[in-house]
Amino acid sequence: MWMVVYVAEQKSVADHIEKILSDEGILVKVRCANKDIEGSNCLYEILVPQSEINESYDVLMEHEY
């Protein structure tokens, strides 16, 4: 099961967090949680497997997220 570990407002932040977690060997998915009417704005959910949620939180805290 995939769980949300972080929600980012900007694609660049989501990409950065994805890279941080991937570099630590954690599987990561990024998806748009919502879109406005035009489909241009999005909140990006960063998801990790449930088994890696605690490690993911530790990594994010080390990087001040």
Protein backbone atom coordinates (compact mmCIF):
# COMPACT_ATOMS: atom_id res chain seq x y z
CA MET A 1 0.00 0.00 0.00
CA TRP A 2 1.26 3.47 -0.92
CA MET A 3 1.06 6.27 1.64
CA VAL A 4 1.41 10.04 1.33
CA VAL A 5 4.56 11.24 3.06
CA TYR A 6 4.50 14.87 1.86
CA VAL A 7 2.33 17.29 -0.12
CA ALA A 8 4.04 19.97 -2.21
CA GLU A 9 2.48 22.99 -3.89
CA GLN A 10 5.15 23.27 -6.58
CA LYS A 11 6.36 20.68 -9.08
CA SER A 12 9.98 21.68 -8.45
CA VAL A 13 9.64 20.92 -4.73
CA ALA A 14 7.95 17.59 -5.46
CA ASP A 15 10.75 16.68 -7.88
CA HIS A 16 13.40 17.64 -5.31
CA ILE A 17 11.80 15.51 -2.59
CA GLU A 18 11.41 12.63 -5.03
CA LYS A 19 15.14 12.82 -5.79
CA ILE A 20 16.10 12.97 -2.10
CA LEU A 21 14.04 9.88 -1.28
CA SER A 22 15.13 8.00 -4.41
CA ASP A 23 18.79 8.69 -3.64
CA GLU A 24 18.21 6.99 -0.28
CA GLY A 25 16.85 3.91 -2.05
CA ILE A 26 13.21 4.55 -1.24
CA LEU A 27 10.55 3.83 -3.86
CA VAL A 28 8.64 7.02 -4.67
CA LYS A 29 5.58 8.02 -6.67
CA VAL A 30 4.43 11.58 -7.32
CA ARG A 31 0.87 12.36 -8.32
CA CYS A 32 -1.34 15.38 -8.71
CA ALA A 33 -3.91 15.31 -5.91
CA ASN A 34 -6.21 17.97 -7.34
CA LYS A 35 -6.48 20.23 -10.33
CA ASP A 36 -8.26 23.51 -10.72
CA ILE A 37 -10.86 23.99 -13.43
CA GLU A 38 -8.23 24.82 -16.04
CA GLY A 39 -6.05 21.92 -14.88
CA SER A 40 -3.02 24.16 -14.40
CA ASN A 41 -2.60 24.18 -10.60
CA CYS A 42 -1.89 21.06 -8.68
CA LEU A 43 -0.98 19.81 -5.23
CA TYR A 44 1.62 17.08 -5.59
CA GLU A 45 1.42 14.08 -3.29
CA ILE A 46 4.69 12.25 -2.68
CA LEU A 47 3.90 8.62 -1.93
CA VAL A 48 6.05 5.82 -0.58
CA PRO A 49 5.34 2.18 0.29
CA GLN A 50 3.88 1.75 3.76
CA SER A 51 6.89 -0.33 4.77
CA GLU A 52 9.19 2.65 4.09
CA ILE A 53 7.12 5.42 5.68
CA ASN A 54 9.21 5.76 8.87
CA GLU A 55 12.48 5.83 6.95
CA SER A 56 10.99 8.42 4.59
CA TYR A 57 9.99 10.69 7.48
CA ASP A 58 13.50 10.40 8.93
CA VAL A 59 15.10 11.31 5.58
CA LEU A 60 12.76 14.28 5.11
CA MET A 61 13.48 15.53 8.62
CA GLU A 62 17.23 15.31 7.94
CA HIS A 63 16.66 17.56 4.92
CA GLU A 64 14.42 19.95 6.92
CA TYR A 65 11.12 19.07 5.21
